[in-house]
Amino acid sequence: MNSSDNAGLSRDTWQKVIHAIEDSIPLYDHVNDLISFGRAQVARLYAVENLQLNESSVVLDGGIGPGTTSRLIFAKIKPSMVIGLDGSAKQLETAKVNLMEYRNSLHLVNASFEYLPFRDSILDGIITCYALRDSLDLSRSISEYSRVCNEHGVFVDVDIGKSDNVIKRLISVLYVRYLMPLLAKMVIRRQIRGNPWKMIAPTYDALPTNISLLELMKHHFAIIRMKEFLNGGIIVIIGRKS
């Protein structure tokens, strides 16, 4: 069995990650933009533009967070419906406020990636940005996304990259564990409690490498392309239902 088949966070780590994300809400986009040197949002925009959807589409934003990706979707695609899913009720409340202008085309759902509360083949497109690595069971989450995606649907995953090149991976590990939290701390300056960005490290540790992740996705999607940003520090994987 491939080690990526068992990838995912422990429940204890998952709960800590959720609390960290909730604590980061006031500075979520600002800090993420700075610690990614502006590439996090560039990758997100690239992903949205490659959803290949139209104004009649129904799209799922898996791990909606404060609504950053959904706002781009509404601005660029103007779909008939965006379903924002998150395991955190606090994040959903934030997204509801931030996306109030789109409330007639927004449906928010509190659920986990591993057990999506939707019928089979109901979605035209699915996007998940910096969230899939927070799964308790990565393989099951991808399988669930495939189940609810229709036969012509597109699935796009944006996340931190974990290079198969040992040297590149070592550089990323050092950055995620030490430099990234330090940069975040400098930006936070006691504006929020603690340093939520420290919890990125355990989610990164649990990630399979890029090639292993691609192989896992190929069980459910025909991979169109993988695009790298920040020298592979961020990846966008685009797949079509197969």
C-alpha atoms as a PDB file:
ATOM      1  CA  MET A   1       0.000   0.000   0.000  1.00  0.00           C
ATOM      2  CA  ASN A   2       1.304   3.475  -0.869  1.00  0.00           C
ATOM      3  CA  SER A   3       1.996   5.592   2.216  1.00  0.00           C
ATOM      4  CA  SER A   4      -0.127   8.381   0.729  1.00  0.00           C
ATOM      5  CA  ASP A   5      -3.162   6.132   1.029  1.00  0.00           C
ATOM      6  CA  ASN A   6      -2.984   6.607   4.808  1.00  0.00           C
ATOM      7  CA  ALA A   7      -2.160  10.326   4.710  1.00  0.00           C
ATOM      8  CA  GLY A   8      -4.091  12.653   6.962  1.00  0.00           C
ATOM      9  CA  LEU A   9      -4.037  14.416  10.307  1.00  0.00           C
ATOM     10  CA  SER A  10      -4.708  12.821  13.662  1.00  0.00           C
ATOM     11  CA  ARG A  11      -7.943  14.042  15.230  1.00  0.00           C
ATOM     12  CA  ASP A  12      -6.039  15.844  17.978  1.00  0.00           C
ATOM     13  CA  THR A  13      -3.879  17.698  15.437  1.00  0.00           C
ATOM     14  CA  TRP A  14      -6.948  18.440  13.313  1.00  0.00           C
ATOM     15  CA  GLN A  15      -8.691  20.100  16.261  1.00  0.00           C
ATOM     16  CA  LYS A  16      -5.604  22.202  16.993  1.00  0.00           C
ATOM     17  CA  VAL A  17      -5.414  23.240  13.333  1.00  0.00           C
ATOM     18  CA  ILE A  18      -9.078  24.282  13.313  1.00  0.00           C
ATOM     19  CA  HIS A  19      -8.575  26.389  16.440  1.00  0.00           C
ATOM     20  CA  ALA A  20      -5.452  27.964  14.917  1.00  0.00           C
ATOM     21  CA  ILE A  21      -7.310  28.844  11.714  1.00  0.00           C
ATOM     22  CA  GLU A  22     -10.144  30.373  13.731  1.00  0.00           C
ATOM     23  CA  ASP A  23      -7.642  32.435  15.723  1.00  0.00           C
ATOM     24  CA  SER A  24      -6.022  33.658  12.494  1.00  0.00           C
ATOM     25  CA  ILE A  25      -9.246  35.055  10.977  1.00  0.00           C
ATOM     26  CA  PRO A  26      -8.567  38.782  11.585  1.00  0.00           C
ATOM     27  CA  LEU A  27      -5.212  38.623   9.763  1.00  0.00           C
ATOM     28  CA  TYR A  28      -5.731  35.511   7.634  1.00  0.00           C
ATOM     29  CA  ASP A  29      -5.313  36.965   4.145  1.00  0.00           C
ATOM     30  CA  HIS A  30      -2.796  39.643   5.109  1.00  0.00           C
ATOM     31  CA  VAL A  31      -0.325  37.266   6.778  1.00  0.00           C
ATOM     32  CA  ASN A  32      -0.751  34.516   4.188  1.00  0.00           C
ATOM     33  CA  ASP A  33       0.018  36.973   1.420  1.00  0.00           C
ATOM     34  CA  LEU A  34       3.184  38.141   3.151  1.00  0.00           C
ATOM     35  CA  ILE A  35       4.580  34.731   4.127  1.00  0.00           C
ATOM     36  CA  SER A  36       4.005  33.459   0.568  1.00  0.00           C
ATOM     37  CA  PHE A  37       5.602  36.574  -0.931  1.00  0.00           C
ATOM     38  CA  GLY A  38       2.334  37.350  -2.678  1.00  0.00           C
ATOM     39  CA  ARG A  39       2.131  33.994  -4.467  1.00  0.00           C
ATOM     40  CA  ALA A  40      -0.701  32.457  -2.402  1.00  0.00           C
ATOM     41  CA  GLN A  41      -3.276  34.750  -3.985  1.00  0.00           C
ATOM     42  CA  VAL A  42      -1.694  34.457  -7.447  1.00  0.00           C
ATOM     43  CA  ALA A  43      -2.052  30.671  -7.263  1.00  0.00           C
ATOM     44  CA  ARG A  44      -5.619  31.006  -6.014  1.00  0.00           C
ATOM     45  CA  LEU A  45      -6.528  33.279  -8.940  1.00  0.00           C
ATOM     46  CA  TYR A  46      -4.913  30.884 -11.415  1.00  0.00           C
ATOM     47  CA  ALA A  47      -6.965  28.044  -9.948  1.00  0.00           C
ATOM     48  CA  VAL A  48     -10.250  29.941 -10.188  1.00  0.00           C
ATOM     49  CA  GLU A  49      -9.563  30.923 -13.789  1.00  0.00           C
ATOM     50  CA  ASN A  50      -8.998  27.257 -14.647  1.00  0.00           C
ATOM     51  CA  LEU A  51     -12.262  25.988 -13.182  1.00  0.00           C
ATOM     52  CA  GLN A  52     -13.724  26.323 -16.699  1.00  0.00           C
ATOM     53  CA  LEU A  53     -17.202  27.113 -15.417  1.00  0.00           C
ATOM     54  CA  ASN A  54     -19.958  29.511 -16.468  1.00  0.00           C
ATOM     55  CA  GLU A  55     -22.930  31.412 -15.047  1.00  0.00           C
ATOM     56  CA  SER A  56     -25.115  28.298 -14.843  1.00  0.00           C
ATOM     57  CA  SER A  57     -22.569  26.308 -12.826  1.00  0.00           C
ATOM     58  CA  VAL A  58     -22.766  25.062  -9.265  1.00  0.00           C
ATOM     59  CA  VAL A  59     -19.348  25.057  -7.605  1.00  0.00           C
ATOM     60  CA  LEU A  60     -18.103  23.816  -4.243  1.00  0.00           C
ATOM     61  CA  ASP A  61     -15.500  25.766  -2.280  1.00  0.00           C
ATOM     62  CA  GLY A  62     -14.135  23.064  -0.008  1.00  0.00           C
ATOM     63  CA  GLY A  63     -12.653  24.689   3.083  1.00  0.00           C
ATOM     64  CA  ILE A  64     -14.165  28.097   2.410  1.00  0.00           C
ATOM     65  CA  GLY A  65     -12.456  29.738   5.399  1.00  0.00           C
ATOM     66  CA  PRO A  66     -13.209  33.470   5.500  1.00  0.00           C
ATOM     67  CA  GLY A  67     -14.471  33.380   1.900  1.00  0.00           C
ATOM     68  CA  THR A  68     -11.369  34.534   0.003  1.00  0.00           C
ATOM     69  CA  THR A  69     -11.675  31.986  -2.815  1.00  0.00           C
ATOM     70  CA  SER A  70     -15.451  32.291  -3.114  1.00  0.00           C
ATOM     71  CA  ARG A  71     -15.134  36.050  -3.582  1.00  0.00           C
ATOM     72  CA  LEU A  72     -12.826  35.428  -6.538  1.00  0.00           C
ATOM     73  CA  ILE A  73     -15.245  32.857  -7.947  1.00  0.00           C
ATOM     74  CA  PHE A  74     -18.150  35.282  -7.797  1.00  0.00           C
ATOM     75  CA  ALA A  75     -16.046  38.036  -9.365  1.00  0.00           C
ATOM     76  CA  LYS A  76     -14.549  35.948 -12.183  1.00  0.00           C
ATOM     77  CA  ILE A  77     -17.225  33.332 -12.985  1.00  0.00           C
ATOM     78  CA  LYS A  78     -20.509  34.585 -11.474  1.00  0.00           C
ATOM     79  CA  PRO A  79     -21.896  31.024 -11.065  1.00  0.00           C
ATOM     80  CA  SER A  80     -25.517  30.325 -10.187  1.00  0.00           C
ATOM     81  CA  MET A  81     -24.471  28.882  -6.838  1.00  0.00           C
ATOM     82  CA  VAL A  82     -21.355  28.598  -4.677  1.00  0.00           C
ATOM     83  CA  ILE A  83     -21.508  26.048  -1.882  1.00  0.00           C
ATOM     84  CA  GLY A  84     -19.049  26.954   0.851  1.00  0.00           C
ATOM     85  CA  LEU A  85     -18.121  24.016   3.059  1.00  0.00           C
ATOM     86  CA  ASP A  86     -16.039  24.117   6.233  1.00  0.00           C
ATOM     87  CA  GLY A  87     -15.548  22.104   9.393  1.00  0.00           C
ATOM     88  CA  SER A  88     -15.497  25.292  11.456  1.00  0.00           C
ATOM     89  CA  ALA A  89     -18.762  27.047  12.293  1.00  0.00           C
ATOM     90  CA  LYS A  90     -16.780  30.179  13.162  1.00  0.00           C
ATOM     91  CA  GLN A  91     -15.214  30.253   9.700  1.00  0.00           C
ATOM     92  CA  LEU A  92     -18.635  29.870   8.102  1.00  0.00           C
ATOM     93  CA  GLU A  93     -19.982  32.789  10.117  1.00  0.00           C
ATOM     94  CA  THR A  94     -17.042  34.895   8.931  1.00  0.00           C
ATOM     95  CA  ALA A  95     -17.596  33.858   5.320  1.00  0.00           C
ATOM     96  CA  LYS A  96     -21.291  34.719   5.624  1.00  0.00           C
ATOM     97  CA  VAL A  97     -20.437  38.255   6.730  1.00  0.00           C
ATOM     98  CA  ASN A  98     -17.648  38.725   4.182  1.00  0.00           C
ATOM     99  CA  LEU A  99     -19.821  37.492   1.299  1.00  0.00           C
ATOM    100  CA  MET A 100     -23.081  39.148   2.317  1.00  0.00           C
ATOM    101  CA  GLU A 101     -23.443  40.801  -1.101  1.00  0.00           C
ATOM    102  CA  TYR A 102     -23.619  37.332  -2.703  1.00  0.00           C
ATOM    103  CA  ARG A 103     -26.007  35.807  -0.155  1.00  0.00           C
ATOM    104  CA  ASN A 104     -28.627  34.884  -2.786  1.00  0.00           C
ATOM    105  CA  SER A 105     -26.095  32.675  -4.588  1.00  0.00           C
ATOM    106  CA  LEU A 106     -24.241  31.338  -1.555  1.00  0.00           C
ATOM    107  CA  HIS A 107     -25.051  28.227   0.458  1.00  0.00           C
ATOM    108  CA  LEU A 108     -22.921  27.444   3.533  1.00  0.00           C
ATOM    109  CA  VAL A 109     -22.476  23.939   4.915  1.00  0.00           C
ATOM    110  CA  ASN A 110     -20.787  22.752   8.109  1.00  0.00           C
ATOM    111  CA  ALA A 111     -19.304  19.342   7.284  1.00  0.00           C
ATOM    112  CA  SER A 112     -16.069  17.421   6.831  1.00  0.00           C
ATOM    113  CA  PHE A 113     -14.271  16.670   3.567  1.00  0.00           C
ATOM    114  CA  GLU A 114     -14.479  12.941   4.288  1.00  0.00           C
ATOM    115  CA  TYR A 115     -18.297  12.868   4.454  1.00  0.00           C
ATOM    116  CA  LEU A 116     -19.761  15.358   2.006  1.00  0.00           C
ATOM    117  CA  PRO A 117     -23.527  15.781   2.524  1.00  0.00           C
ATOM    118  CA  PHE A 118     -24.355  15.912  -1.198  1.00  0.00           C
ATOM    119  CA  ARG A 119     -25.853  13.596  -3.773  1.00  0.00           C
ATOM    120  CA  ASP A 120     -23.632  11.918  -6.362  1.00  0.00           C
ATOM    121  CA  SER A 121     -22.572  13.913  -9.443  1.00  0.00           C
ATOM    122  CA  ILE A 122     -24.282  17.130  -8.336  1.00  0.00           C
ATOM    123  CA  LEU A 123     -21.426  19.624  -8.806  1.00  0.00           C
ATOM    124  CA  ASP A 124     -19.995  21.208 -11.953  1.00  0.00           C
ATOM    125  CA  GLY A 125     -16.760  22.208 -10.288  1.00  0.00           C
ATOM    126  CA  ILE A 126     -14.861  21.843  -7.023  1.00  0.00           C
ATOM    127  CA  ILE A 127     -12.026  23.959  -5.687  1.00  0.00           C
ATOM    128  CA  THR A 128     -10.122  23.609  -2.444  1.00  0.00           C
ATOM    129  CA  CYS A 129      -7.471  26.165  -1.491  1.00  0.00           C
ATOM    130  CA  TYR A 130      -4.941  25.492   1.267  1.00  0.00           C
ATOM    131  CA  ALA A 131      -7.398  23.126   2.924  1.00  0.00           C
ATOM    132  CA  LEU A 132      -7.092  19.591   1.544  1.00  0.00           C
ATOM    133  CA  ARG A 133      -3.986  18.929   3.642  1.00  0.00           C
ATOM    134  CA  ASP A 134      -6.153  19.447   6.746  1.00  0.00           C
ATOM    135  CA  SER A 135      -8.046  16.230   6.015  1.00  0.00           C
ATOM    136  CA  LEU A 136      -8.288  13.475   8.574  1.00  0.00           C
ATOM    137  CA  ASP A 137      -8.220  10.996   5.701  1.00  0.00           C
ATOM    138  CA  LEU A 138      -6.774  12.434   2.500  1.00  0.00           C
ATOM    139  CA  SER A 139      -7.691   9.490   0.288  1.00  0.00           C
ATOM    140  CA  ARG A 140     -11.309   9.447   1.436  1.00  0.00           C
ATOM    141  CA  SER A 141     -11.599  13.229   0.971  1.00  0.00           C
ATOM    142  CA  ILE A 142     -10.452  12.984  -2.644  1.00  0.00           C
ATOM    143  CA  SER A 143     -12.810  10.059  -3.199  1.00  0.00           C
ATOM    144  CA  GLU A 144     -15.721  12.095  -1.821  1.00  0.00           C
ATOM    145  CA  TYR A 145     -14.882  15.058  -4.059  1.00  0.00           C
ATOM    146  CA  SER A 146     -14.908  12.685  -7.014  1.00  0.00           C
ATOM    147  CA  ARG A 147     -18.257  11.208  -5.987  1.00  0.00           C
ATOM    148  CA  VAL A 148     -20.079  14.546  -5.934  1.00  0.00           C
ATOM    149  CA  CYS A 149     -18.430  15.880  -9.108  1.00  0.00           C
ATOM    150  CA  ASN A 150     -20.417  15.331 -12.318  1.00  0.00           C
ATOM    151  CA  GLU A 151     -19.026  13.535 -15.368  1.00  0.00           C
ATOM    152  CA  HIS A 152     -17.751  16.744 -16.969  1.00  0.00           C
ATOM    153  CA  GLY A 153     -16.723  18.407 -13.710  1.00  0.00           C
ATOM    154  CA  VAL A 154     -13.363  19.971 -12.879  1.00  0.00           C
ATOM    155  CA  PHE A 155     -11.526  19.553  -9.584  1.00  0.00           C
ATOM    156  CA  VAL A 156      -8.809  22.043  -8.615  1.00  0.00           C
ATOM    157  CA  ASP A 157      -6.583  21.748  -5.570  1.00  0.00           C
ATOM    158  CA  VAL A 158      -4.323  24.572  -4.387  1.00  0.00           C
ATOM    159  CA  ASP A 159      -1.954  23.866  -1.542  1.00  0.00           C
ATOM    160  CA  ILE A 160       1.552  23.945  -0.178  1.00  0.00           C
ATOM    161  CA  GLY A 161       3.836  21.831  -2.339  1.00  0.00           C
ATOM    162  CA  LYS A 162       6.040  19.040  -0.986  1.00  0.00           C
ATOM    163  CA  SER A 163       8.743  18.426  -3.554  1.00  0.00           C
ATOM    164  CA  ASP A 164      10.022  14.952  -4.354  1.00  0.00           C
ATOM    165  CA  ASN A 165      13.471  16.534  -4.677  1.00  0.00           C
ATOM    166  CA  VAL A 166      15.208  16.015  -1.327  1.00  0.00           C
ATOM    167  CA  ILE A 167      17.023  19.349  -1.333  1.00  0.00           C
ATOM    168  CA  LYS A 168      13.926  21.350  -2.318  1.00  0.00           C
ATOM    169  CA  ARG A 169      11.899  19.510   0.317  1.00  0.00           C
ATOM    170  CA  LEU A 170      14.499  20.250   3.009  1.00  0.00           C
ATOM    171  CA  ILE A 171      14.398  23.959   2.147  1.00  0.00           C
ATOM    172  CA  SER A 172      10.592  23.902   2.366  1.00  0.00           C
ATOM    173  CA  VAL A 173      10.658  22.072   5.704  1.00  0.00           C
ATOM    174  CA  LEU A 174      13.059  24.624   7.189  1.00  0.00           C
ATOM    175  CA  TYR A 175      10.937  27.488   5.888  1.00  0.00           C
ATOM    176  CA  VAL A 176       7.616  26.073   7.110  1.00  0.00           C
ATOM    177  CA  ARG A 177       8.914  25.039  10.537  1.00  0.00           C
ATOM    178  CA  TYR A 178      11.090  28.013  11.396  1.00  0.00           C
ATOM    179  CA  LEU A 179      11.117  31.016   9.071  1.00  0.00           C
ATOM    180  CA  MET A 180       7.396  31.144   8.233  1.00  0.00           C
ATOM    181  CA  PRO A 181       6.235  31.255  11.886  1.00  0.00           C
ATOM    182  CA  LEU A 182       8.885  33.905  12.601  1.00  0.00           C
ATOM    183  CA  LEU A 183       7.678  36.095   9.727  1.00  0.00           C
ATOM    184  CA  ALA A 184       4.081  35.616  10.836  1.00  0.00           C
ATOM    185  CA  LYS A 185       4.972  36.584  14.406  1.00  0.00           C
ATOM    186  CA  MET A 186       6.602  39.796  13.159  1.00  0.00           C
ATOM    187  CA  VAL A 187       3.431  40.691  11.245  1.00  0.00           C
ATOM    188  CA  ILE A 188       1.016  39.735  14.038  1.00  0.00           C
ATOM    189  CA  ARG A 189       2.667  41.918  16.703  1.00  0.00           C
ATOM    190  CA  ARG A 190       0.221  40.779  19.414  1.00  0.00           C
ATOM    191  CA  GLN A 191      -2.817  41.666  17.305  1.00  0.00           C
ATOM    192  CA  ILE A 192      -4.150  38.152  17.796  1.00  0.00           C
ATOM    193  CA  ARG A 193      -3.589  35.411  20.370  1.00  0.00           C
ATOM    194  CA  GLY A 194      -0.405  33.341  20.021  1.00  0.00           C
ATOM    195  CA  ASN A 195       0.909  32.420  16.591  1.00  0.00           C
ATOM    196  CA  PRO A 196      -1.628  30.303  14.631  1.00  0.00           C
ATOM    197  CA  TRP A 197       0.785  29.905  11.724  1.00  0.00           C
ATOM    198  CA  LYS A 198       2.887  27.491  13.793  1.00  0.00           C
ATOM    199  CA  MET A 199       0.225  24.864  13.023  1.00  0.00           C
ATOM    200  CA  ILE A 200       1.092  24.850   9.323  1.00  0.00           C
ATOM    201  CA  ALA A 201       4.140  22.680  10.095  1.00  0.00           C
ATOM    202  CA  PRO A 202       2.257  19.545  11.284  1.00  0.00           C
ATOM    203  CA  THR A 203      -0.104  19.749   8.304  1.00  0.00           C
ATOM    204  CA  TYR A 204       2.909  19.968   6.000  1.00  0.00           C
ATOM    205  CA  ASP A 205       4.539  16.987   7.707  1.00  0.00           C
ATOM    206  CA  ALA A 206       1.405  14.915   7.055  1.00  0.00           C
ATOM    207  CA  LEU A 207       1.334  15.762   3.345  1.00  0.00           C
ATOM    208  CA  PRO A 208       2.465  13.191   0.784  1.00  0.00           C
ATOM    209  CA  THR A 209       4.997  14.401  -1.772  1.00  0.00           C
ATOM    210  CA  ASN A 210       3.699  16.042  -4.951  1.00  0.00           C
ATOM    211  CA  ILE A 211       4.084  12.900  -7.073  1.00  0.00           C
ATOM    212  CA  SER A 212       2.385  10.728  -4.433  1.00  0.00           C
ATOM    213  CA  LEU A 213      -0.476  13.209  -4.219  1.00  0.00           C
ATOM    214  CA  LEU A 214      -0.860  13.178  -7.998  1.00  0.00           C
ATOM    215  CA  GLU A 215      -0.963   9.378  -8.010  1.00  0.00           C
ATOM    216  CA  LEU A 216      -3.641   9.447  -5.322  1.00  0.00           C
ATOM    217  CA  MET A 217      -5.751  11.870  -7.351  1.00  0.00           C
ATOM    218  CA  LYS A 218      -5.325   9.844 -10.531  1.00  0.00           C
ATOM    219  CA  HIS A 219      -7.510   7.117  -8.978  1.00  0.00           C
ATOM    220  CA  HIS A 220     -10.461   9.513  -9.366  1.00  0.00           C
ATOM    221  CA  PHE A 221      -9.531  12.295 -11.793  1.00  0.00           C
ATOM    222  CA  ALA A 222      -7.783  12.619 -15.136  1.00  0.00           C
ATOM    223  CA  ILE A 223      -5.016  15.091 -14.305  1.00  0.00           C
ATOM    224  CA  ILE A 224      -4.880  17.975 -16.755  1.00  0.00           C
ATOM    225  CA  ARG A 225      -1.849  19.728 -15.311  1.00  0.00           C
ATOM    226  CA  MET A 226       0.121  20.638 -12.203  1.00  0.00           C
ATOM    227  CA  LYS A 227       1.361  24.215 -11.954  1.00  0.00           C
ATOM    228  CA  GLU A 228       4.055  25.272  -9.494  1.00  0.00           C
ATOM    229  CA  PHE A 229       4.469  28.643  -7.805  1.00  0.00           C
ATOM    230  CA  LEU A 230       7.203  29.873  -5.479  1.00  0.00           C
ATOM    231  CA  ASN A 231       9.655  27.300  -6.854  1.00  0.00           C
ATOM    232  CA  GLY A 232       7.266  24.461  -6.028  1.00  0.00           C
ATOM    233  CA  GLY A 233       6.360  25.826  -2.590  1.00  0.00           C
ATOM    234  CA  ILE A 234       2.757  26.149  -3.804  1.00  0.00           C
ATOM    235  CA  ILE A 235       1.104  23.819  -6.297  1.00  0.00           C
ATOM    236  CA  VAL A 236      -2.143  23.878  -8.273  1.00  0.00           C
ATOM    237  CA  ILE A 237      -3.442  20.520  -9.496  1.00  0.00           C
ATOM    238  CA  ILE A 238      -6.216  20.566 -12.078  1.00  0.00           C
ATOM    239  CA  GLY A 239      -8.160  17.405 -12.831  1.00  0.00           C
ATOM    240  CA  ARG A 240     -11.286  16.399 -14.716  1.00  0.00           C
ATOM    241  CA  LYS A 241     -13.687  13.700 -13.567  1.00  0.00           C
ATOM    242  CA  SER A 242     -12.730  10.382 -15.152  1.00  0.00           C
END
